[in-house]
């Protein structure tokens, strides 16, 4: 009963911090066998595969783009993602996963003297990826990991558009975001003295990311295009930690810098 109350408490906490969490989660796959228990329902599929479910709230505060429009400023993407995640761990080495959820994104840029702001609104978002544990330095405890992922967000309609303070007569709206990412990082697990079922696994690494943004609409007879060609910067850093609690759950916190500004908070449960 205590464990049940704890689980509900963790879920409520993660939902509460959604407004304050912060960019696409890398996560820590160096210890993809964590959480280490038999699972919430003790339903492991043999000794070579386990199932994990999780929830990530990702808040992107700034991602800048190169642009093709003369007289315009760099388009900037920002917003929040709410993503459910299902993964399986194969042979304690590889973890393919899928993510499904919703996003609320906004792109803004300056076209001449007019500030343009396009809000995508609540839109379906999905992604897929692969995490891999590559190497462990025995005796030191350091582990090397790598990830690769893709995510797509396509609002059916743009919620609102504002061009220099004018929002009327808008037609033929398009708002599409495609994200690709690859990372390599290192982590190490530390046990927490006095807590038998708890440990913390900090991690850090380098990320390559590339985003395609297709945002355009027609205002009257004028076609307004963000002109986004690709991310302004493609290489960045990430820092995070997994906090392992009990033998079935882990909490994750992560920040992203340089290529984008943002981060995430999440929860993972082992089935």
C-alpha atoms as a PDB file:
ATOM      1  CA  UNK A   1       0.000   0.000   0.000  1.00  0.00           C
ATOM      2  CA  UNK A   2       2.880   2.397   0.811  1.00  0.00           C
ATOM      3  CA  UNK A   3       4.407   1.691  -2.593  1.00  0.00           C
ATOM      4  CA  UNK A   4       1.078   2.437  -4.305  1.00  0.00           C
ATOM      5  CA  UNK A   5       0.804   5.796  -2.539  1.00  0.00           C
ATOM      6  CA  UNK A   6       4.401   6.553  -3.474  1.00  0.00           C
ATOM      7  CA  UNK A   7       3.729   5.808  -7.166  1.00  0.00           C
ATOM      8  CA  UNK A   8       0.670   8.080  -7.251  1.00  0.00           C
ATOM      9  CA  UNK A   9       2.641  10.783  -5.460  1.00  0.00           C
ATOM     10  CA  UNK A  10       5.450  10.667  -8.030  1.00  0.00           C
ATOM     11  CA  UNK A  11       2.968  10.853 -10.934  1.00  0.00           C
ATOM     12  CA  UNK A  12       1.158  13.837  -9.396  1.00  0.00           C
ATOM     13  CA  UNK A  13       4.508  15.548  -8.787  1.00  0.00           C
ATOM     14  CA  UNK A  14       5.547  15.097 -12.445  1.00  0.00           C
ATOM     15  CA  UNK A  15       2.254  16.521 -13.660  1.00  0.00           C
ATOM     16  CA  UNK A  16       2.560  19.458 -11.255  1.00  0.00           C
ATOM     17  CA  UNK A  17       6.025  20.474 -12.484  1.00  0.00           C
ATOM     18  CA  UNK A  18       4.976  20.362 -16.159  1.00  0.00           C
ATOM     19  CA  UNK A  19       4.684  24.148 -16.275  1.00  0.00           C
ATOM     20  CA  UNK A  20       8.222  24.569 -14.975  1.00  0.00           C
ATOM     21  CA  UNK A  21      10.132  21.768 -16.687  1.00  0.00           C
ATOM     22  CA  UNK A  22      12.301  22.332 -19.608  1.00  0.00           C
ATOM     23  CA  UNK A  23      13.998  20.471 -25.385  1.00  0.00           C
ATOM     24  CA  UNK A  24      14.003  16.897 -26.475  1.00  0.00           C
ATOM     25  CA  UNK A  25      15.093  14.494 -23.733  1.00  0.00           C
ATOM     26  CA  UNK A  26      18.321  12.581 -24.271  1.00  0.00           C
ATOM     27  CA  UNK A  27      17.881  10.451 -21.187  1.00  0.00           C
ATOM     28  CA  UNK A  28      20.494   8.184 -19.656  1.00  0.00           C
ATOM     29  CA  UNK A  29      20.822   4.883 -21.548  1.00  0.00           C
ATOM     30  CA  UNK A  30      24.203   3.983 -20.047  1.00  0.00           C
ATOM     31  CA  UNK A  31      22.284   2.190 -17.318  1.00  0.00           C
ATOM     32  CA  UNK A  32      19.394   0.942 -19.412  1.00  0.00           C
ATOM     33  CA  UNK A  33      18.900  -1.941 -16.980  1.00  0.00           C
ATOM     34  CA  UNK A  34      17.799   0.653 -14.409  1.00  0.00           C
ATOM     35  CA  UNK A  35      15.413   0.627 -12.619  1.00  0.00           C
ATOM     36  CA  UNK A  36      16.888  -2.727 -11.583  1.00  0.00           C
ATOM     37  CA  UNK A  37      13.859  -4.594 -10.187  1.00  0.00           C
ATOM     38  CA  UNK A  38      11.644  -7.321 -11.583  1.00  0.00           C
ATOM     39  CA  UNK A  39       9.043  -4.803 -12.629  1.00  0.00           C
ATOM     40  CA  UNK A  40       5.775  -3.396 -11.323  1.00  0.00           C
ATOM     41  CA  UNK A  41       3.908  -6.520 -12.416  1.00  0.00           C
ATOM     42  CA  UNK A  42       6.933  -8.876 -12.440  1.00  0.00           C
ATOM     43  CA  UNK A  43       6.274  -9.328 -16.144  1.00  0.00           C
ATOM     44  CA  UNK A  44       9.711  -9.572 -17.709  1.00  0.00           C
ATOM     45  CA  UNK A  45       9.729 -11.372 -21.038  1.00  0.00           C
ATOM     46  CA  UNK A  46      12.514 -13.791 -20.256  1.00  0.00           C
ATOM     47  CA  UNK A  47      16.015 -12.758 -19.249  1.00  0.00           C
ATOM     48  CA  UNK A  48      16.854 -10.818 -22.399  1.00  0.00           C
ATOM     49  CA  UNK A  49      14.065  -8.231 -22.722  1.00  0.00           C
ATOM     50  CA  UNK A  50      12.303  -5.836 -20.333  1.00  0.00           C
ATOM     51  CA  UNK A  51       9.617  -3.230 -20.928  1.00  0.00           C
ATOM     52  CA  UNK A  52       9.699   0.362 -19.669  1.00  0.00           C
ATOM     53  CA  UNK A  53       7.035   3.064 -19.756  1.00  0.00           C
ATOM     54  CA  UNK A  54       7.604   6.731 -19.053  1.00  0.00           C
ATOM     55  CA  UNK A  55       6.393  10.288 -19.348  1.00  0.00           C
ATOM     56  CA  UNK A  56       8.507  13.325 -20.299  1.00  0.00           C
ATOM     57  CA  UNK A  57       7.591  16.982 -20.136  1.00  0.00           C
ATOM     58  CA  UNK A  58       9.962  18.953 -22.365  1.00  0.00           C
ATOM     59  CA  UNK A  59      10.047  22.735 -22.493  1.00  0.00           C
ATOM     60  CA  UNK A  60      11.945  24.423 -25.316  1.00  0.00           C
ATOM     61  CA  UNK A  61      12.782  28.019 -24.459  1.00  0.00           C
ATOM     62  CA  UNK A  62      14.798  28.861 -27.574  1.00  0.00           C
ATOM     63  CA  UNK A  63      15.953  27.213 -30.824  1.00  0.00           C
ATOM     64  CA  UNK A  64      17.187  29.606 -33.531  1.00  0.00           C
ATOM     65  CA  UNK A  65      17.282  29.008 -37.298  1.00  0.00           C
ATOM     66  CA  UNK A  66      19.225  30.228 -40.292  1.00  0.00           C
ATOM     67  CA  UNK A  67      16.924  31.983 -42.768  1.00  0.00           C
ATOM     68  CA  UNK A  68      16.660  32.858 -46.445  1.00  0.00           C
ATOM     69  CA  UNK A  69      14.547  36.012 -46.208  1.00  0.00           C
ATOM     70  CA  UNK A  70      16.451  39.262 -46.695  1.00  0.00           C
ATOM     71  CA  UNK A  71      15.627  41.909 -44.139  1.00  0.00           C
ATOM     72  CA  UNK A  72      14.339  39.302 -41.657  1.00  0.00           C
ATOM     73  CA  UNK A  73      15.679  38.209 -38.278  1.00  0.00           C
ATOM     74  CA  UNK A  74      16.377  34.589 -37.348  1.00  0.00           C
ATOM     75  CA  UNK A  75      13.195  32.597 -36.721  1.00  0.00           C
ATOM     76  CA  UNK A  76      12.913  31.264 -33.174  1.00  0.00           C
ATOM     77  CA  UNK A  77      11.018  28.142 -32.096  1.00  0.00           C
ATOM     78  CA  UNK A  78       9.752  27.645 -28.561  1.00  0.00           C
ATOM     79  CA  UNK A  79       7.082  25.632 -26.790  1.00  0.00           C
ATOM     80  CA  UNK A  80       6.318  22.573 -24.677  1.00  0.00           C
ATOM     81  CA  UNK A  81       5.991  18.825 -25.362  1.00  0.00           C
ATOM     82  CA  UNK A  82       4.064  16.264 -23.292  1.00  0.00           C
ATOM     83  CA  UNK A  83       5.313  12.847 -24.422  1.00  0.00           C
ATOM     84  CA  UNK A  84       4.489   9.314 -23.306  1.00  0.00           C
ATOM     85  CA  UNK A  85       7.296   6.826 -23.908  1.00  0.00           C
ATOM     86  CA  UNK A  86       7.397   3.028 -24.323  1.00  0.00           C
ATOM     87  CA  UNK A  87      10.700   1.181 -24.699  1.00  0.00           C
ATOM     88  CA  UNK A  88      12.116  -2.312 -24.500  1.00  0.00           C
ATOM     89  CA  UNK A  89      15.612  -3.204 -23.328  1.00  0.00           C
ATOM     90  CA  UNK A  90      17.341  -5.891 -25.353  1.00  0.00           C
ATOM     91  CA  UNK A  91      20.247  -7.858 -23.874  1.00  0.00           C
ATOM     92  CA  UNK A  92      21.029  -5.026 -21.408  1.00  0.00           C
ATOM     93  CA  UNK A  93      22.662  -3.151 -24.290  1.00  0.00           C
ATOM     94  CA  UNK A  94      20.109  -1.667 -26.694  1.00  0.00           C
ATOM     95  CA  UNK A  95      16.855   0.185 -26.037  1.00  0.00           C
ATOM     96  CA  UNK A  96      14.570   1.074 -28.966  1.00  0.00           C
ATOM     97  CA  UNK A  97      11.636   3.303 -28.034  1.00  0.00           C
ATOM     98  CA  UNK A  98       8.618   5.157 -29.368  1.00  0.00           C
ATOM     99  CA  UNK A  99       7.140   8.411 -28.035  1.00  0.00           C
ATOM    100  CA  UNK A 100       3.603   9.701 -28.571  1.00  0.00           C
ATOM    101  CA  UNK A 101       2.074  12.852 -27.189  1.00  0.00           C
ATOM    102  CA  UNK A 102       1.136  16.444 -27.909  1.00  0.00           C
ATOM    103  CA  UNK A 103       3.038  19.694 -28.408  1.00  0.00           C
ATOM    104  CA  UNK A 104       2.210  23.382 -28.144  1.00  0.00           C
ATOM    105  CA  UNK A 105       4.761  25.235 -30.312  1.00  0.00           C
ATOM    106  CA  UNK A 106       5.275  28.796 -31.460  1.00  0.00           C
ATOM    107  CA  UNK A 107       7.583  30.307 -34.098  1.00  0.00           C
ATOM    108  CA  UNK A 108       8.393  34.006 -34.254  1.00  0.00           C
ATOM    109  CA  UNK A 109      10.581  36.171 -36.489  1.00  0.00           C
ATOM    110  CA  UNK A 110      10.844  39.754 -37.674  1.00  0.00           C
ATOM    111  CA  UNK A 111       9.948  40.415 -41.309  1.00  0.00           C
ATOM    112  CA  UNK A 112      11.267  43.902 -42.042  1.00  0.00           C
ATOM    113  CA  UNK A 113       9.799  46.068 -39.306  1.00  0.00           C
ATOM    114  CA  UNK A 114       6.894  43.680 -38.591  1.00  0.00           C
ATOM    115  CA  UNK A 115       7.044  41.092 -35.828  1.00  0.00           C
ATOM    116  CA  UNK A 116       5.497  37.805 -37.005  1.00  0.00           C
ATOM    117  CA  UNK A 117       4.246  35.241 -34.526  1.00  0.00           C
ATOM    118  CA  UNK A 118       2.647  31.907 -35.507  1.00  0.00           C
ATOM    119  CA  UNK A 119       1.206  29.664 -32.782  1.00  0.00           C
ATOM    120  CA  UNK A 120       0.718  26.027 -33.763  1.00  0.00           C
ATOM    121  CA  UNK A 121      -1.597  25.205 -30.873  1.00  0.00           C
ATOM    122  CA  UNK A 122      -2.051  21.758 -29.351  1.00  0.00           C
ATOM    123  CA  UNK A 123      -0.868  19.252 -31.978  1.00  0.00           C
ATOM    124  CA  UNK A 124      -0.091  15.524 -32.144  1.00  0.00           C
ATOM    125  CA  UNK A 125       3.588  14.667 -31.867  1.00  0.00           C
ATOM    126  CA  UNK A 126       5.372  11.335 -32.227  1.00  0.00           C
ATOM    127  CA  UNK A 127       8.931  10.133 -32.249  1.00  0.00           C
ATOM    128  CA  UNK A 128      11.154   7.078 -32.284  1.00  0.00           C
ATOM    129  CA  UNK A 129      14.735   6.396 -31.344  1.00  0.00           C
ATOM    130  CA  UNK A 130      17.429   4.022 -30.196  1.00  0.00           C
ATOM    131  CA  UNK A 131      19.641   4.126 -27.129  1.00  0.00           C
ATOM    132  CA  UNK A 132      22.774   1.991 -26.797  1.00  0.00           C
ATOM    133  CA  UNK A 133      25.205   1.211 -23.987  1.00  0.00           C
ATOM    134  CA  UNK A 134      28.635   1.139 -25.652  1.00  0.00           C
ATOM    135  CA  UNK A 135      31.366   0.618 -23.084  1.00  0.00           C
ATOM    136  CA  UNK A 136      32.159   0.496 -19.370  1.00  0.00           C
ATOM    137  CA  UNK A 137      35.456   1.411 -17.738  1.00  0.00           C
ATOM    138  CA  UNK A 138      35.625  -1.285 -15.061  1.00  0.00           C
ATOM    139  CA  UNK A 139      36.956  -0.149 -11.719  1.00  0.00           C
ATOM    140  CA  UNK A 140      36.079   3.468 -12.461  1.00  0.00           C
ATOM    141  CA  UNK A 141      32.367   2.911 -13.042  1.00  0.00           C
ATOM    142  CA  UNK A 142      32.114   5.241 -16.036  1.00  0.00           C
ATOM    143  CA  UNK A 143      29.843   4.139 -18.881  1.00  0.00           C
ATOM    144  CA  UNK A 144      29.692   5.417 -22.454  1.00  0.00           C
ATOM    145  CA  UNK A 145      26.345   5.609 -24.263  1.00  0.00           C
ATOM    146  CA  UNK A 146      24.881   6.886 -27.526  1.00  0.00           C
ATOM    147  CA  UNK A 147      21.414   7.766 -28.849  1.00  0.00           C
ATOM    148  CA  UNK A 148      19.708   8.538 -32.159  1.00  0.00           C
ATOM    149  CA  UNK A 149      16.165   9.856 -32.509  1.00  0.00           C
ATOM    150  CA  UNK A 150      13.544  11.468 -34.764  1.00  0.00           C
ATOM    151  CA  UNK A 151      10.395  13.432 -33.866  1.00  0.00           C
ATOM    152  CA  UNK A 152       7.595  14.918 -35.960  1.00  0.00           C
ATOM    153  CA  UNK A 153       5.000  17.540 -34.996  1.00  0.00           C
ATOM    154  CA  UNK A 154       2.279  18.655 -37.415  1.00  0.00           C
ATOM    155  CA  UNK A 155      -0.521  20.875 -36.123  1.00  0.00           C
ATOM    156  CA  UNK A 156      -3.670  20.441 -38.239  1.00  0.00           C
ATOM    157  CA  UNK A 157      -4.225  24.182 -38.024  1.00  0.00           C
ATOM    158  CA  UNK A 158      -2.257  27.186 -36.844  1.00  0.00           C
ATOM    159  CA  UNK A 159      -4.034  28.424 -33.737  1.00  0.00           C
ATOM    160  CA  UNK A 160      -3.236  32.079 -34.313  1.00  0.00           C
ATOM    161  CA  UNK A 161      -1.077  34.327 -36.477  1.00  0.00           C
ATOM    162  CA  UNK A 162      -0.044  37.900 -35.815  1.00  0.00           C
ATOM    163  CA  UNK A 163       1.828  40.061 -38.348  1.00  0.00           C
ATOM    164  CA  UNK A 164       2.777  43.477 -37.040  1.00  0.00           C
ATOM    165  CA  UNK A 165      -0.258  43.494 -34.771  1.00  0.00           C
ATOM    166  CA  UNK A 166      -2.660  42.315 -37.516  1.00  0.00           C
ATOM    167  CA  UNK A 167      -4.227  38.858 -37.377  1.00  0.00           C
ATOM    168  CA  UNK A 168      -7.050  38.987 -39.955  1.00  0.00           C
ATOM    169  CA  UNK A 169      -7.474  37.544 -43.453  1.00  0.00           C
ATOM    170  CA  UNK A 170      -5.128  34.572 -42.877  1.00  0.00           C
ATOM    171  CA  UNK A 171      -5.429  31.532 -45.182  1.00  0.00           C
ATOM    172  CA  UNK A 172      -3.392  28.517 -46.370  1.00  0.00           C
ATOM    173  CA  UNK A 173      -1.636  27.943 -43.067  1.00  0.00           C
ATOM    174  CA  UNK A 174       1.191  25.411 -42.690  1.00  0.00           C
ATOM    175  CA  UNK A 175       3.170  24.510 -39.566  1.00  0.00           C
ATOM    176  CA  UNK A 176       5.447  21.427 -39.599  1.00  0.00           C
ATOM    177  CA  UNK A 177       8.425  20.577 -37.378  1.00  0.00           C
ATOM    178  CA  UNK A 178      10.793  17.629 -37.952  1.00  0.00           C
ATOM    179  CA  UNK A 179      13.590  16.982 -35.439  1.00  0.00           C
ATOM    180  CA  UNK A 180      16.658  14.700 -35.700  1.00  0.00           C
ATOM    181  CA  UNK A 181      19.205  14.116 -32.957  1.00  0.00           C
ATOM    182  CA  UNK A 182      22.296  12.002 -32.190  1.00  0.00           C
ATOM    183  CA  UNK A 183      24.291  12.040 -28.961  1.00  0.00           C
ATOM    184  CA  UNK A 184      27.219  10.490 -27.143  1.00  0.00           C
ATOM    185  CA  UNK A 185      27.734  10.780 -23.414  1.00  0.00           C
ATOM    186  CA  UNK A 186      29.132   9.364 -20.205  1.00  0.00           C
ATOM    187  CA  UNK A 187      27.513   8.484 -16.863  1.00  0.00           C
ATOM    188  CA  UNK A 188      28.305   7.031 -13.457  1.00  0.00           C
ATOM    189  CA  UNK A 189      26.056   5.623 -10.745  1.00  0.00           C
ATOM    190  CA  UNK A 190      26.411   6.716  -7.121  1.00  0.00           C
ATOM    191  CA  UNK A 191      24.675   4.969  -4.251  1.00  0.00           C
ATOM    192  CA  UNK A 192      22.996   7.187  -1.678  1.00  0.00           C
ATOM    193  CA  UNK A 193      24.259   6.348   1.834  1.00  0.00           C
ATOM    194  CA  UNK A 194      21.523   5.158   4.137  1.00  0.00           C
ATOM    195  CA  UNK A 195      19.033   4.427   1.350  1.00  0.00           C
ATOM    196  CA  UNK A 196      19.207   0.835   0.163  1.00  0.00           C
ATOM    197  CA  UNK A 197      16.814   1.231  -2.788  1.00  0.00           C
ATOM    198  CA  UNK A 198      18.011   4.620  -4.056  1.00  0.00           C
ATOM    199  CA  UNK A 199      20.873   5.856  -6.214  1.00  0.00           C
ATOM    200  CA  UNK A 200      21.671   8.762  -8.505  1.00  0.00           C
ATOM    201  CA  UNK A 201      23.169   8.496 -12.001  1.00  0.00           C
ATOM    202  CA  UNK A 202      24.474  11.829 -13.330  1.00  0.00           C
ATOM    203  CA  UNK A 203      25.370  12.025 -17.022  1.00  0.00           C
ATOM    204  CA  UNK A 204      26.665  14.524 -19.581  1.00  0.00           C
ATOM    205  CA  UNK A 205      27.572  14.576 -23.246  1.00  0.00           C
ATOM    206  CA  UNK A 206      27.576  16.172 -26.675  1.00  0.00           C
ATOM    207  CA  UNK A 207      24.498  16.297 -28.932  1.00  0.00           C
ATOM    208  CA  UNK A 208      24.095  16.880 -32.673  1.00  0.00           C
ATOM    209  CA  UNK A 209      20.633  18.078 -33.648  1.00  0.00           C
ATOM    210  CA  UNK A 210      18.938  19.304 -36.804  1.00  0.00           C
ATOM    211  CA  UNK A 211      15.403  20.645 -37.163  1.00  0.00           C
ATOM    212  CA  UNK A 212      13.348  21.323 -40.271  1.00  0.00           C
ATOM    213  CA  UNK A 213      10.666  23.981 -39.753  1.00  0.00           C
ATOM    214  CA  UNK A 214       8.067  24.683 -42.443  1.00  0.00           C
ATOM    215  CA  UNK A 215       5.976  27.598 -41.273  1.00  0.00           C
ATOM    216  CA  UNK A 216       4.111  29.737 -43.801  1.00  0.00           C
ATOM    217  CA  UNK A 217       0.674  31.227 -44.468  1.00  0.00           C
ATOM    218  CA  UNK A 218      -1.098  33.658 -46.746  1.00  0.00           C
ATOM    219  CA  UNK A 219      -2.314  37.041 -45.533  1.00  0.00           C
ATOM    220  CA  UNK A 220      -4.519  38.585 -48.170  1.00  0.00           C
ATOM    221  CA  UNK A 221      -2.472  38.224 -51.354  1.00  0.00           C
ATOM    222  CA  UNK A 222       0.894  38.066 -49.571  1.00  0.00           C
ATOM    223  CA  UNK A 223       2.640  34.774 -48.770  1.00  0.00           C
ATOM    224  CA  UNK A 224       4.410  35.033 -45.399  1.00  0.00           C
ATOM    225  CA  UNK A 225       7.198  32.468 -44.927  1.00  0.00           C
ATOM    226  CA  UNK A 226       9.495  32.068 -41.935  1.00  0.00           C
ATOM    227  CA  UNK A 227      12.346  31.290 -44.337  1.00  0.00           C
ATOM    228  CA  UNK A 228      13.842  28.844 -41.803  1.00  0.00           C
ATOM    229  CA  UNK A 229      16.580  26.831 -43.536  1.00  0.00           C
ATOM    230  CA  UNK A 230      17.943  24.840 -40.608  1.00  0.00           C
ATOM    231  CA  UNK A 231      19.174  25.263 -37.054  1.00  0.00           C
ATOM    232  CA  UNK A 232      21.551  28.133 -36.445  1.00  0.00           C
ATOM    233  CA  UNK A 233      23.740  25.796 -34.318  1.00  0.00           C
ATOM    234  CA  UNK A 234      23.811  21.993 -34.574  1.00  0.00           C
ATOM    235  CA  UNK A 235      26.202  21.002 -31.770  1.00  0.00           C
ATOM    236  CA  UNK A 236      25.300  21.373 -28.125  1.00  0.00           C
ATOM    237  CA  UNK A 237      25.803  20.001 -24.636  1.00  0.00           C
ATOM    238  CA  UNK A 238      23.442  18.188 -22.289  1.00  0.00           C
ATOM    239  CA  UNK A 239      23.584  17.501 -18.556  1.00  0.00           C
ATOM    240  CA  UNK A 240      21.207  15.388 -16.518  1.00  0.00           C
ATOM    241  CA  UNK A 241      20.656  12.804 -13.826  1.00  0.00           C
ATOM    242  CA  UNK A 242      18.487   9.771 -13.172  1.00  0.00           C
ATOM    243  CA  UNK A 243      17.305   9.311  -9.599  1.00  0.00           C
ATOM    244  CA  UNK A 244      16.543   5.629  -8.961  1.00  0.00           C
ATOM    245  CA  UNK A 245      13.887   5.014  -6.296  1.00  0.00           C
ATOM    246  CA  UNK A 246      12.698   1.645  -4.979  1.00  0.00           C
ATOM    247  CA  UNK A 247      13.407  -1.053  -7.565  1.00  0.00           C
ATOM    248  CA  UNK A 248      10.964  -0.095 -10.305  1.00  0.00           C
ATOM    249  CA  UNK A 249      10.995   3.679 -10.793  1.00  0.00           C
ATOM    250  CA  UNK A 250      13.373   6.444 -11.817  1.00  0.00           C
ATOM    251  CA  UNK A 251      13.042  10.213 -12.077  1.00  0.00           C
ATOM    252  CA  UNK A 252      14.988  12.179 -14.689  1.00  0.00           C
ATOM    253  CA  UNK A 253      16.040  15.829 -14.946  1.00  0.00           C
ATOM    254  CA  UNK A 254      17.998  17.250 -17.876  1.00  0.00           C
ATOM    255  CA  UNK A 255      19.093  20.569 -19.399  1.00  0.00           C
ATOM    256  CA  UNK A 256      20.252  21.441 -22.948  1.00  0.00           C
ATOM    257  CA  UNK A 257      22.635  24.245 -23.895  1.00  0.00           C
ATOM    258  CA  UNK A 258      24.262  25.938 -26.943  1.00  0.00           C
ATOM    259  CA  UNK A 259      22.296  24.373 -29.855  1.00  0.00           C
ATOM    260  CA  UNK A 260      19.062  25.047 -27.988  1.00  0.00           C
ATOM    261  CA  UNK A 261      18.031  26.186 -24.540  1.00  0.00           C
ATOM    262  CA  UNK A 262      15.703  23.980 -22.572  1.00  0.00           C
ATOM    263  CA  UNK A 263      15.433  20.729 -20.686  1.00  0.00           C
ATOM    264  CA  UNK A 264      13.025  18.169 -19.290  1.00  0.00           C
ATOM    265  CA  UNK A 265      11.698  16.303 -16.281  1.00  0.00           C
ATOM    266  CA  UNK A 266      10.401  12.764 -16.554  1.00  0.00           C
ATOM    267  CA  UNK A 267       9.345   9.514 -14.895  1.00  0.00           C
ATOM    268  CA  UNK A 268      10.159   5.938 -15.952  1.00  0.00           C
ATOM    269  CA  UNK A 269       8.588   2.724 -14.627  1.00  0.00           C
ATOM    270  CA  UNK A 270       9.834  -0.827 -15.209  1.00  0.00           C
ATOM    271  CA  UNK A 271       7.045  -3.285 -16.023  1.00  0.00           C
END
